[in-house]
C-alpha atoms as a PDB file:
ATOM      1  CA  MET A   1       8.598  10.399  93.081  1.00  0.00           C
ATOM      2  CA  SER A   2       8.088   9.878  96.829  1.00  0.00           C
ATOM      3  CA  ALA A   3       5.798   7.385  98.539  1.00  0.00           C
ATOM      4  CA  LEU A   4       3.190  10.055  99.304  1.00  0.00           C
ATOM      5  CA  PRO A   5      -0.335   9.045  98.241  1.00  0.00           C
ATOM      6  CA  ILE A   6      -1.679   9.701  94.771  1.00  0.00           C
ATOM      7  CA  GLY A   7      -4.668  12.054  94.774  1.00  0.00           C
ATOM      8  CA  VAL A   8      -7.780  11.605  92.638  1.00  0.00           C
ATOM      9  CA  ILE A   9     -10.193  14.557  92.384  1.00  0.00           C
ATOM     10  CA  GLY A  10     -13.676  13.276  91.558  1.00  0.00           C
ATOM     11  CA  GLY A  11     -15.739  10.455  93.038  1.00  0.00           C
ATOM     12  CA  GLY A  12     -17.686   9.397  89.940  1.00  0.00           C
ATOM     13  CA  ALA A  13     -17.234   6.134  88.088  1.00  0.00           C
ATOM     14  CA  TRP A  14     -14.029   7.124  86.272  1.00  0.00           C
ATOM     15  CA  GLY A  15     -12.376   8.695  89.303  1.00  0.00           C
ATOM     16  CA  THR A  16     -13.226   5.672  91.433  1.00  0.00           C
ATOM     17  CA  ALA A  17     -11.953   3.287  88.751  1.00  0.00           C
ATOM     18  CA  LEU A  18      -8.656   5.160  88.502  1.00  0.00           C
ATOM     19  CA  ALA A  19      -8.290   5.097  92.287  1.00  0.00           C
ATOM     20  CA  GLN A  20      -8.911   1.364  92.284  1.00  0.00           C
ATOM     21  CA  VAL A  21      -6.444   0.479  89.525  1.00  0.00           C
ATOM     22  CA  LEU A  22      -3.738   2.659  91.077  1.00  0.00           C
ATOM     23  CA  ALA A  23      -4.322   1.124  94.504  1.00  0.00           C
ATOM     24  CA  SER A  24      -4.249  -2.382  93.041  1.00  0.00           C
ATOM     25  CA  GLY A  25      -0.672  -1.681  92.002  1.00  0.00           C
ATOM     26  CA  GLY A  26       0.331  -0.922  95.577  1.00  0.00           C
ATOM     27  CA  SER A  27      -0.147   2.851  95.796  1.00  0.00           C
ATOM     28  CA  ASP A  28      -2.022   4.608  98.571  1.00  0.00           C
ATOM     29  CA  VAL A  29      -4.757   6.729  96.998  1.00  0.00           C
ATOM     30  CA  MET A  30      -6.752   9.661  98.377  1.00  0.00           C
ATOM     31  CA  LEU A  31     -10.047  10.096  96.537  1.00  0.00           C
ATOM     32  CA  TRP A  32     -11.914  13.388  96.897  1.00  0.00           C
ATOM     33  CA  ALA A  33     -15.673  13.291  96.330  1.00  0.00           C
ATOM     34  CA  ARG A  34     -18.184  16.107  96.715  1.00  0.00           C
ATOM     35  CA  ASN A  35     -20.901  13.717  97.931  1.00  0.00           C
ATOM     36  CA  GLY A  36     -20.565  12.794 101.609  1.00  0.00           C
ATOM     37  CA  SER A  37     -22.542   9.567 101.170  1.00  0.00           C
ATOM     38  CA  VAL A  38     -20.084   8.425  98.498  1.00  0.00           C
ATOM     39  CA  VAL A  39     -17.190   9.151 100.860  1.00  0.00           C
ATOM     40  CA  GLY A  40     -18.832   7.243 103.692  1.00  0.00           C
ATOM     41  CA  SER A  41     -19.701   4.244 101.530  1.00  0.00           C
ATOM     42  CA  ILE A  42     -16.156   3.964 100.190  1.00  0.00           C
ATOM     43  CA  ASN A  43     -14.518   4.242 103.610  1.00  0.00           C
ATOM     44  CA  VAL A  44     -16.965   1.977 105.459  1.00  0.00           C
ATOM     45  CA  HIS A  45     -18.233  -0.489 102.875  1.00  0.00           C
ATOM     46  CA  ARG A  46     -15.380  -0.405 100.322  1.00  0.00           C
ATOM     47  CA  GLU A  47     -17.760   0.344  97.455  1.00  0.00           C
ATOM     48  CA  ASN A  48     -19.140   3.282  95.485  1.00  0.00           C
ATOM     49  CA  PRO A  49     -22.658   1.976  94.798  1.00  0.00           C
ATOM     50  CA  ALA A  50     -23.853   5.276  93.345  1.00  0.00           C
ATOM     51  CA  TYR A  51     -21.378   5.294  90.447  1.00  0.00           C
ATOM     52  CA  LEU A  52     -19.441   2.002  90.342  1.00  0.00           C
ATOM     53  CA  PRO A  53     -21.650  -0.663  91.933  1.00  0.00           C
ATOM     54  CA  GLY A  54     -20.372  -4.187  92.446  1.00  0.00           C
ATOM     55  CA  VAL A  55     -16.672  -3.308  92.564  1.00  0.00           C
ATOM     56  CA  ARG A  56     -14.973  -3.934  95.914  1.00  0.00           C
ATOM     57  CA  LEU A  57     -12.374  -1.223  96.412  1.00  0.00           C
ATOM     58  CA  SER A  58      -8.896  -1.723  97.774  1.00  0.00           C
ATOM     59  CA  ASP A  59      -8.197  -0.863 101.405  1.00  0.00           C
ATOM     60  CA  ARG A  60      -5.529   1.475 100.018  1.00  0.00           C
ATOM     61  CA  VAL A  61      -8.250   3.836  98.721  1.00  0.00           C
ATOM     62  CA  ARG A  62      -9.232   6.459 101.302  1.00  0.00           C
ATOM     63  CA  ALA A  63     -12.049   8.882 100.445  1.00  0.00           C
ATOM     64  CA  THR A  64     -12.534  12.428 101.732  1.00  0.00           C
ATOM     65  CA  ASP A  65     -14.823  15.392 101.143  1.00  0.00           C
ATOM     66  CA  ASP A  66     -12.183  17.837 102.405  1.00  0.00           C
ATOM     67  CA  VAL A  67     -10.412  19.177  99.343  1.00  0.00           C
ATOM     68  CA  ALA A  68      -7.660  20.713 101.502  1.00  0.00           C
ATOM     69  CA  VAL A  69      -6.423  17.197 102.320  1.00  0.00           C
ATOM     70  CA  MET A  70      -5.410  16.761  98.681  1.00  0.00           C
ATOM     71  CA  ALA A  71      -2.411  19.011  99.336  1.00  0.00           C
ATOM     72  CA  GLU A  72      -0.812  15.916 100.876  1.00  0.00           C
ATOM     73  CA  ALA A  73      -0.770  14.067  97.538  1.00  0.00           C
ATOM     74  CA  ARG A  74       2.352  13.784  95.401  1.00  0.00           C
ATOM     75  CA  MET A  75       0.301  14.228  92.207  1.00  0.00           C
ATOM     76  CA  LEU A  76      -3.356  14.753  91.336  1.00  0.00           C
ATOM     77  CA  LEU A  77      -5.531  13.045  88.750  1.00  0.00           C
ATOM     78  CA  VAL A  78      -8.323  15.545  88.073  1.00  0.00           C
ATOM     79  CA  VAL A  79     -11.464  13.642  87.094  1.00  0.00           C
ATOM     80  CA  THR A  80     -14.151  16.331  87.361  1.00  0.00           C
ATOM     81  CA  PRO A  81     -16.595  17.260  84.578  1.00  0.00           C
ATOM     82  CA  ALA A  82     -14.938  19.638  82.130  1.00  0.00           C
ATOM     83  CA  GLN A  83     -17.273  22.551  82.917  1.00  0.00           C
ATOM     84  CA  HIS A  84     -16.461  22.315  86.652  1.00  0.00           C
ATOM     85  CA  MET A  85     -12.709  21.881  86.426  1.00  0.00           C
ATOM     86  CA  ARG A  86     -11.738  25.533  86.817  1.00  0.00           C
ATOM     87  CA  ALA A  87     -13.851  25.937  89.956  1.00  0.00           C
ATOM     88  CA  ILE A  88     -12.504  22.758  91.556  1.00  0.00           C
ATOM     89  CA  LEU A  89      -8.878  23.624  90.789  1.00  0.00           C
ATOM     90  CA  GLY A  90      -9.503  27.063  92.254  1.00  0.00           C
ATOM     91  CA  ARG A  91     -10.279  25.405  95.588  1.00  0.00           C
ATOM     92  CA  LEU A  92      -6.948  23.572  95.730  1.00  0.00           C
ATOM     93  CA  ALA A  93      -3.920  24.959  97.524  1.00  0.00           C
ATOM     94  CA  PRO A  94      -1.277  25.873  94.910  1.00  0.00           C
ATOM     95  CA  GLU A  95       1.248  23.251  96.027  1.00  0.00           C
ATOM     96  CA  GLY A  96       2.807  22.732  92.605  1.00  0.00           C
ATOM     97  CA  GLN A  97       1.842  19.065  92.340  1.00  0.00           C
ATOM     98  CA  PRO A  98       1.735  17.579  88.836  1.00  0.00           C
ATOM     99  CA  LEU A  99      -1.793  17.467  87.446  1.00  0.00           C
ATOM    100  CA  ILE A 100      -3.081  14.703  85.171  1.00  0.00           C
ATOM    101  CA  LEU A 101      -6.306  15.962  83.588  1.00  0.00           C
ATOM    102  CA  CYS A 102      -8.837  13.224  82.860  1.00  0.00           C
ATOM    103  CA  ALA A 103     -11.865  15.277  81.758  1.00  0.00           C
ATOM    104  CA  LYS A 104     -12.811  15.343  78.073  1.00  0.00           C
ATOM    105  CA  GLY A 105     -14.295  18.605  76.900  1.00  0.00           C
ATOM    106  CA  ILE A 106     -13.872  22.291  76.110  1.00  0.00           C
ATOM    107  CA  GLU A 107     -14.738  25.030  78.590  1.00  0.00           C
ATOM    108  CA  ALA A 108     -17.965  26.587  77.323  1.00  0.00           C
ATOM    109  CA  VAL A 109     -17.415  30.161  78.498  1.00  0.00           C
ATOM    110  CA  THR A 110     -13.820  30.582  77.305  1.00  0.00           C
ATOM    111  CA  HIS A 111     -13.546  27.966  74.511  1.00  0.00           C
ATOM    112  CA  LYS A 112     -10.328  26.765  76.182  1.00  0.00           C
ATOM    113  CA  LEU A 113      -9.032  23.223  76.390  1.00  0.00           C
ATOM    114  CA  MET A 114      -8.590  21.653  79.807  1.00  0.00           C
ATOM    115  CA  HIS A 115      -4.811  22.050  79.921  1.00  0.00           C
ATOM    116  CA  GLN A 116      -5.235  25.779  79.255  1.00  0.00           C
ATOM    117  CA  VAL A 117      -7.800  26.037  82.049  1.00  0.00           C
ATOM    118  CA  ALA A 118      -5.495  24.187  84.446  1.00  0.00           C
ATOM    119  CA  ARG A 119      -2.556  26.446  83.662  1.00  0.00           C
ATOM    120  CA  GLU A 120      -4.645  29.493  84.479  1.00  0.00           C
ATOM    121  CA  ALA A 121      -6.115  28.007  87.658  1.00  0.00           C
ATOM    122  CA  MET A 122      -2.870  26.463  88.977  1.00  0.00           C
ATOM    123  CA  PRO A 123       0.030  28.125  87.165  1.00  0.00           C
ATOM    124  CA  GLY A 124       2.654  26.490  89.379  1.00  0.00           C
ATOM    125  CA  SER A 125       1.692  22.910  88.535  1.00  0.00           C
ATOM    126  CA  PRO A 126       3.052  20.802  85.658  1.00  0.00           C
ATOM    127  CA  VAL A 127       0.136  19.594  83.505  1.00  0.00           C
ATOM    128  CA  ALA A 128      -0.478  16.377  81.586  1.00  0.00           C
ATOM    129  CA  VAL A 129      -3.588  14.929  79.904  1.00  0.00           C
ATOM    130  CA  LEU A 130      -4.830  11.344  80.104  1.00  0.00           C
ATOM    131  CA  SER A 131      -7.247  10.224  77.409  1.00  0.00           C
ATOM    132  CA  GLY A 132      -8.244   7.136  75.475  1.00  0.00           C
ATOM    133  CA  PRO A 133     -10.820   4.321  75.236  1.00  0.00           C
ATOM    134  CA  THR A 134     -11.703   3.739  78.887  1.00  0.00           C
ATOM    135  CA  PHE A 135     -14.918   2.312  80.290  1.00  0.00           C
ATOM    136  CA  ALA A 136     -14.632   2.725  84.051  1.00  0.00           C
ATOM    137  CA  ASN A 137     -15.981  -0.666  85.092  1.00  0.00           C
ATOM    138  CA  GLU A 138     -13.483  -2.475  82.850  1.00  0.00           C
ATOM    139  CA  VAL A 139     -10.558  -0.481  84.227  1.00  0.00           C
ATOM    140  CA  ALA A 140     -11.696  -1.105  87.804  1.00  0.00           C
ATOM    141  CA  GLY A 141     -12.181  -4.780  87.023  1.00  0.00           C
ATOM    142  CA  GLY A 142      -8.602  -5.180  85.881  1.00  0.00           C
ATOM    143  CA  LEU A 143      -9.306  -5.639  82.179  1.00  0.00           C
ATOM    144  CA  PRO A 144      -6.481  -4.482  79.881  1.00  0.00           C
ATOM    145  CA  THR A 145      -6.639  -0.821  78.893  1.00  0.00           C
ATOM    146  CA  ALA A 146      -4.290   1.437  76.922  1.00  0.00           C
ATOM    147  CA  VAL A 147      -4.359   5.235  77.117  1.00  0.00           C
ATOM    148  CA  THR A 148      -2.528   8.308  75.857  1.00  0.00           C
ATOM    149  CA  LEU A 149      -0.657  10.368  78.455  1.00  0.00           C
ATOM    150  CA  ALA A 150       0.347  13.671  76.899  1.00  0.00           C
ATOM    151  CA  ALA A 151       2.446  16.548  78.224  1.00  0.00           C
ATOM    152  CA  GLU A 152       4.193  19.297  76.285  1.00  0.00           C
ATOM    153  CA  GLU A 153       7.437  18.187  77.948  1.00  0.00           C
ATOM    154  CA  GLU A 154       7.690  14.531  77.024  1.00  0.00           C
ATOM    155  CA  ALA A 155      10.011  13.918  79.988  1.00  0.00           C
ATOM    156  CA  LEU A 156       7.128  14.849  82.296  1.00  0.00           C
ATOM    157  CA  ALA A 157       4.801  12.458  80.473  1.00  0.00           C
ATOM    158  CA  ARG A 158       7.343   9.640  80.858  1.00  0.00           C
ATOM    159  CA  LEU A 159       7.816  10.386  84.557  1.00  0.00           C
ATOM    160  CA  LEU A 160       4.076  10.346  85.223  1.00  0.00           C
ATOM    161  CA  ALA A 161       3.570   7.268  83.058  1.00  0.00           C
ATOM    162  CA  ASP A 162       6.040   5.383  85.230  1.00  0.00           C
ATOM    163  CA  VAL A 163       3.945   6.287  88.295  1.00  0.00           C
ATOM    164  CA  ILE A 164       0.518   5.283  86.959  1.00  0.00           C
ATOM    165  CA  ALA A 165       1.411   2.328  84.712  1.00  0.00           C
ATOM    166  CA  ARG A 166       0.008  -0.994  85.903  1.00  0.00           C
ATOM    167  CA  PRO A 167      -0.065  -4.474  84.365  1.00  0.00           C
ATOM    168  CA  THR A 168      -3.583  -3.736  83.068  1.00  0.00           C
ATOM    169  CA  LEU A 169      -3.182   0.031  82.452  1.00  0.00           C
ATOM    170  CA  ARG A 170      -0.670   0.865  79.743  1.00  0.00           C
ATOM    171  CA  PRO A 171       0.012   4.560  79.057  1.00  0.00           C
ATOM    172  CA  TYR A 172       1.584   5.634  75.753  1.00  0.00           C
ATOM    173  CA  VAL A 173       3.337   8.993  76.069  1.00  0.00           C
ATOM    174  CA  SER A 174       2.998  11.938  73.712  1.00  0.00           C
ATOM    175  CA  ASP A 175       3.905  15.617  73.610  1.00  0.00           C
ATOM    176  CA  ASP A 176       0.787  16.473  71.556  1.00  0.00           C
ATOM    177  CA  VAL A 177      -1.481  17.767  74.333  1.00  0.00           C
ATOM    178  CA  VAL A 178      -3.809  19.547  71.903  1.00  0.00           C
ATOM    179  CA  GLY A 179      -4.326  16.392  69.856  1.00  0.00           C
ATOM    180  CA  ALA A 180      -5.008  14.244  72.916  1.00  0.00           C
ATOM    181  CA  GLU A 181      -7.577  16.730  74.200  1.00  0.00           C
ATOM    182  CA  ILE A 182      -9.351  17.344  70.909  1.00  0.00           C
ATOM    183  CA  GLY A 183      -9.784  13.633  70.270  1.00  0.00           C
ATOM    184  CA  GLY A 184     -11.470  13.138  73.623  1.00  0.00           C
ATOM    185  CA  ALA A 185     -13.700  16.187  73.276  1.00  0.00           C
ATOM    186  CA  VAL A 186     -14.882  15.622  69.694  1.00  0.00           C
ATOM    187  CA  LYS A 187     -15.562  11.906  70.107  1.00  0.00           C
ATOM    188  CA  ASN A 188     -18.152  12.685  72.818  1.00  0.00           C
ATOM    189  CA  VAL A 189     -20.189  14.688  70.306  1.00  0.00           C
ATOM    190  CA  LEU A 190     -19.858  12.014  67.639  1.00  0.00           C
ATOM    191  CA  ALA A 191     -20.928   9.349  70.137  1.00  0.00           C
ATOM    192  CA  ILE A 192     -24.193  11.239  70.605  1.00  0.00           C
ATOM    193  CA  ALA A 193     -24.681  11.127  66.826  1.00  0.00           C
ATOM    194  CA  CYS A 194     -24.047   7.381  66.723  1.00  0.00           C
ATOM    195  CA  GLY A 195     -26.510   6.891  69.544  1.00  0.00           C
ATOM    196  CA  VAL A 196     -29.110   8.743  67.475  1.00  0.00           C
ATOM    197  CA  VAL A 197     -28.488   6.320  64.615  1.00  0.00           C
ATOM    198  CA  ASP A 198     -29.032   3.401  66.981  1.00  0.00           C
ATOM    199  CA  GLY A 199     -32.122   4.875  68.617  1.00  0.00           C
ATOM    200  CA  ALA A 200     -33.680   5.681  65.252  1.00  0.00           C
ATOM    201  CA  GLY A 201     -33.029   2.148  63.972  1.00  0.00           C
ATOM    202  CA  LEU A 202     -30.936   3.246  61.010  1.00  0.00           C
ATOM    203  CA  GLY A 203     -28.703   0.173  60.985  1.00  0.00           C
ATOM    204  CA  GLN A 204     -25.035  -0.781  61.202  1.00  0.00           C
ATOM    205  CA  ASN A 205     -24.130   0.574  57.769  1.00  0.00           C
ATOM    206  CA  ALA A 206     -25.205   4.042  58.808  1.00  0.00           C
ATOM    207  CA  ARG A 207     -23.292   3.874  62.074  1.00  0.00           C
ATOM    208  CA  ALA A 208     -20.095   2.726  60.359  1.00  0.00           C
ATOM    209  CA  ALA A 209     -20.411   5.540  57.823  1.00  0.00           C
ATOM    210  CA  LEU A 210     -21.024   8.038  60.601  1.00  0.00           C
ATOM    211  CA  ILE A 211     -17.917   6.910  62.509  1.00  0.00           C
ATOM    212  CA  ALA A 212     -15.808   7.324  59.370  1.00  0.00           C
ATOM    213  CA  ARG A 213     -17.237  10.727  58.463  1.00  0.00           C
ATOM    214  CA  GLY A 214     -17.090  11.775  62.095  1.00  0.00           C
ATOM    215  CA  PHE A 215     -13.408  10.922  62.199  1.00  0.00           C
ATOM    216  CA  ALA A 216     -12.956  13.149  59.144  1.00  0.00           C
ATOM    217  CA  GLU A 217     -14.581  15.992  61.123  1.00  0.00           C
ATOM    218  CA  MET A 218     -12.343  15.299  64.116  1.00  0.00           C
ATOM    219  CA  SER A 219      -9.286  15.357  61.873  1.00  0.00           C
ATOM    220  CA  ARG A 220     -10.228  18.622  60.145  1.00  0.00           C
ATOM    221  CA  PHE A 221     -10.911  20.295  63.464  1.00  0.00           C
ATOM    222  CA  GLY A 222      -7.808  18.947  65.184  1.00  0.00           C
ATOM    223  CA  LEU A 223      -5.390  19.784  62.401  1.00  0.00           C
ATOM    224  CA  ALA A 224      -6.769  23.328  62.195  1.00  0.00           C
ATOM    225  CA  LEU A 225      -6.048  23.805  65.903  1.00  0.00           C
ATOM    226  CA  GLY A 226      -2.535  22.378  65.750  1.00  0.00           C
ATOM    227  CA  ALA A 227      -3.007  18.697  66.575  1.00  0.00           C
ATOM    228  CA  ARG A 228      -0.983  16.019  64.822  1.00  0.00           C
ATOM    229  CA  ALA A 229      -2.667  13.510  62.524  1.00  0.00           C
ATOM    230  CA  GLU A 230      -0.999  10.524  64.222  1.00  0.00           C
ATOM    231  CA  THR A 231      -2.404  11.591  67.601  1.00  0.00           C
ATOM    232  CA  LEU A 232      -5.919  11.844  66.202  1.00  0.00           C
ATOM    233  CA  ALA A 233      -5.514   8.391  64.647  1.00  0.00           C
ATOM    234  CA  GLY A 234      -4.317   6.975  67.980  1.00  0.00           C
ATOM    235  CA  LEU A 235      -5.851   5.915  71.272  1.00  0.00           C
ATOM    236  CA  SER A 236      -7.136   9.345  72.318  1.00  0.00           C
ATOM    237  CA  GLY A 237      -8.782   9.978  68.950  1.00  0.00           C
ATOM    238  CA  LEU A 238      -9.830   7.068  66.768  1.00  0.00           C
ATOM    239  CA  GLY A 239      -9.491   4.526  69.578  1.00  0.00           C
ATOM    240  CA  ASP A 240     -11.841   6.401  71.889  1.00  0.00           C
ATOM    241  CA  LEU A 241     -14.167   7.210  68.994  1.00  0.00           C
ATOM    242  CA  VAL A 242     -14.627   3.538  68.091  1.00  0.00           C
ATOM    243  CA  LEU A 243     -15.349   2.576  71.702  1.00  0.00           C
ATOM    244  CA  THR A 244     -17.897   5.250  72.510  1.00  0.00           C
ATOM    245  CA  CYS A 245     -19.628   5.086  69.131  1.00  0.00           C
ATOM    246  CA  SER A 246     -20.116   1.336  69.378  1.00  0.00           C
ATOM    247  CA  SER A 247     -21.492   0.705  72.855  1.00  0.00           C
ATOM    248  CA  ARG A 248     -24.688   1.587  74.666  1.00  0.00           C
ATOM    249  CA  ARG A 249     -22.631   1.755  77.876  1.00  0.00           C
ATOM    250  CA  SER A 250     -21.251   5.109  76.718  1.00  0.00           C
ATOM    251  CA  ARG A 251     -23.040   8.000  78.452  1.00  0.00           C
ATOM    252  CA  ASN A 252     -22.952  10.100  75.288  1.00  0.00           C
ATOM    253  CA  PHE A 253     -24.157   7.216  73.119  1.00  0.00           C
ATOM    254  CA  ALA A 254     -27.014   6.598  75.571  1.00  0.00           C
ATOM    255  CA  LEU A 255     -28.032  10.264  75.362  1.00  0.00           C
ATOM    256  CA  GLY A 256     -28.047  10.074  71.566  1.00  0.00           C
ATOM    257  CA  LYS A 257     -30.037   6.844  71.632  1.00  0.00           C
ATOM    258  CA  GLY A 258     -32.726   8.582  73.652  1.00  0.00           C
ATOM    259  CA  LEU A 259     -32.790  11.451  71.153  1.00  0.00           C
ATOM    260  CA  GLY A 260     -33.078   8.944  68.313  1.00  0.00           C
ATOM    261  CA  GLU A 261     -36.065   7.389  70.071  1.00  0.00           C
ATOM    262  CA  GLY A 262     -37.796  10.777  70.098  1.00  0.00           C
ATOM    263  CA  LYS A 263     -37.162  11.868  73.686  1.00  0.00           C
ATOM    264  CA  SER A 264     -36.225  15.456  74.471  1.00  0.00           C
ATOM    265  CA  ALA A 265     -32.683  16.424  75.387  1.00  0.00           C
ATOM    266  CA  ALA A 266     -33.887  18.283  78.486  1.00  0.00           C
ATOM    267  CA  ALA A 267     -35.737  15.260  79.831  1.00  0.00           C
ATOM    268  CA  LEU A 268     -32.868  12.908  79.095  1.00  0.00           C
ATOM    269  CA  MET A 269     -30.268  15.069  80.838  1.00  0.00           C
ATOM    270  CA  THR A 270     -32.500  15.760  83.841  1.00  0.00           C
ATOM    271  CA  ASP A 271     -32.884  12.034  84.458  1.00  0.00           C
ATOM    272  CA  ARG A 272     -29.154  11.282  84.302  1.00  0.00           C
ATOM    273  CA  ARG A 273     -26.954  10.859  87.368  1.00  0.00           C
ATOM    274  CA  THR A 274     -23.764  11.116  85.324  1.00  0.00           C
ATOM    275  CA  VAL A 275     -22.651  13.828  82.891  1.00  0.00           C
ATOM    276  CA  ALA A 276     -22.708  13.334  79.121  1.00  0.00           C
ATOM    277  CA  GLU A 277     -19.898  15.758  78.297  1.00  0.00           C
ATOM    278  CA  GLY A 278     -20.764  15.864  74.598  1.00  0.00           C
ATOM    279  CA  ALA A 279     -23.936  17.844  75.293  1.00  0.00           C
ATOM    280  CA  SER A 280     -21.877  20.745  76.655  1.00  0.00           C
ATOM    281  CA  THR A 281     -19.095  20.356  74.121  1.00  0.00           C
ATOM    282  CA  ALA A 282     -21.204  20.267  70.943  1.00  0.00           C
ATOM    283  CA  PRO A 283     -22.264  23.950  70.747  1.00  0.00           C
ATOM    284  CA  VAL A 284     -18.777  25.117  71.761  1.00  0.00           C
ATOM    285  CA  LEU A 285     -17.223  22.892  69.121  1.00  0.00           C
ATOM    286  CA  LEU A 286     -19.540  24.289  66.464  1.00  0.00           C
ATOM    287  CA  GLU A 287     -18.786  27.896  67.418  1.00  0.00           C
ATOM    288  CA  ILE A 288     -15.038  27.278  67.178  1.00  0.00           C
ATOM    289  CA  ALA A 289     -15.443  25.391  63.897  1.00  0.00           C
ATOM    290  CA  ARG A 290     -17.403  28.250  62.333  1.00  0.00           C
ATOM    291  CA  ALA A 291     -14.811  30.763  63.517  1.00  0.00           C
ATOM    292  CA  TYR A 292     -12.099  28.720  61.776  1.00  0.00           C
ATOM    293  CA  GLY A 293     -14.214  27.953  58.704  1.00  0.00           C
ATOM    294  CA  ILE A 294     -14.226  24.194  59.407  1.00  0.00           C
ATOM    295  CA  ASP A 295     -17.068  22.129  57.932  1.00  0.00           C
ATOM    296  CA  MET A 296     -18.605  19.938  60.684  1.00  0.00           C
ATOM    297  CA  PRO A 297     -22.071  18.818  59.528  1.00  0.00           C
ATOM    298  CA  VAL A 298     -22.423  15.964  62.023  1.00  0.00           C
ATOM    299  CA  THR A 299     -21.621  18.278  64.917  1.00  0.00           C
ATOM    300  CA  ALA A 300     -24.127  20.828  63.571  1.00  0.00           C
ATOM    301  CA  ALA A 301     -26.789  18.102  63.409  1.00  0.00           C
ATOM    302  CA  VAL A 302     -26.147  17.102  67.032  1.00  0.00           C
ATOM    303  CA  CYS A 303     -26.415  20.747  68.102  1.00  0.00           C
ATOM    304  CA  ALA A 304     -29.748  21.127  66.317  1.00  0.00           C
ATOM    305  CA  LEU A 305     -31.112  18.031  68.066  1.00  0.00           C
ATOM    306  CA  LEU A 306     -29.875  19.067  71.508  1.00  0.00           C
ATOM    307  CA  ALA A 307     -31.365  22.542  71.105  1.00  0.00           C
ATOM    308  CA  GLY A 308     -34.687  21.133  69.905  1.00  0.00           C
ATOM    309  CA  GLU A 309     -34.392  23.105  66.672  1.00  0.00           C
ATOM    310  CA  GLN A 310     -34.896  20.048  64.445  1.00  0.00           C
ATOM    311  CA  GLY A 311     -36.181  16.524  64.787  1.00  0.00           C
ATOM    312  CA  VAL A 312     -34.295  13.318  64.025  1.00  0.00           C
ATOM    313  CA  SER A 313     -35.818  12.845  60.570  1.00  0.00           C
ATOM    314  CA  ASP A 314     -34.995  16.451  59.661  1.00  0.00           C
ATOM    315  CA  VAL A 315     -31.308  16.280  60.564  1.00  0.00           C
ATOM    316  CA  ILE A 316     -30.858  12.884  58.937  1.00  0.00           C
ATOM    317  CA  GLY A 317     -32.539  14.112  55.773  1.00  0.00           C
ATOM    318  CA  ALA A 318     -30.331  17.194  55.710  1.00  0.00           C
ATOM    319  CA  LEU A 319     -27.152  15.117  56.081  1.00  0.00           C
ATOM    320  CA  LEU A 320     -28.186  12.725  53.309  1.00  0.00           C
ATOM    321  CA  ALA A 321     -29.145  15.603  51.020  1.00  0.00           C
ATOM    322  CA  ARG A 322     -25.745  17.286  51.191  1.00  0.00           C
ATOM    323  CA  PRO A 323     -24.085  17.730  47.775  1.00  0.00           C
ATOM    324  CA  LEU A 324     -22.070  14.750  46.564  1.00  0.00           C
ATOM    325  CA  ARG A 325     -18.311  15.233  46.919  1.00  0.00           C
ATOM    326  CA  ALA A 326     -15.007  13.425  46.919  1.00  0.00           C
ATOM    327  CA  GLU A 327     -14.185  11.603  50.145  1.00  0.00           C
END
């Protein structure tokens, strides 16, 4: 690919971290952010204090709030919330640039995965998906990170991997786009559940059991929709699940922790600057699961909590009272 800049759509923590790690490898990066104060802070002070405080950004990162400028990029990493991706892509000029989708979720209105949304919004652009266990501040700080980069044409995934690979960012290529996306979407919901366990003080045994049973849900759901088992057991599935279900730094885990402490979902989400994607994904996931006849009790419990239909003790009691069965 040419020496044109790499474009990053989204000025939150993850978008800024990706811009920083790509720039640290010598690439010029254009970062689009909706918030003018974020743009100004990055260009003037070399920092995004609103979303990634304390990280000095490379001089190779240039921020803009003019989405038309992104037509100059050789490729675009799309790091917008899943529910906003279609609208943002609709604002881009159809230049045919490769798209690497970095959002983890399912579109609520259509029940479509992000790569399906992108193909509808920008039919002339090749599409890949980046997913895996990635805390933004660690990536920006140069700590080692491995991810899945999936495209239906593996040659495209390899080409894009060569562009974004850095000494501390190692992409593993795959042609299982569905598997890579489902892992990232489902783990957000399960991270909320693990946060509930933490907030309710249920202990490490319960959290470990929930991760294992949650992975069983992820596997049932993914296989029913055409994912491969090895993808779900890889970085974008099990790897991301372990990370986000084990750390209070996860946005979805933090939301669940608040629920476990007895706070309302509405209050918790109103107070948050960043998006906990699992809150939007959970009801969509449950609707799809019911349509396919897939048993997802943990997801159903999260939905009941988010909707305020049941309290923490009720959903935990219902899960523990389920009939005994083979694992």
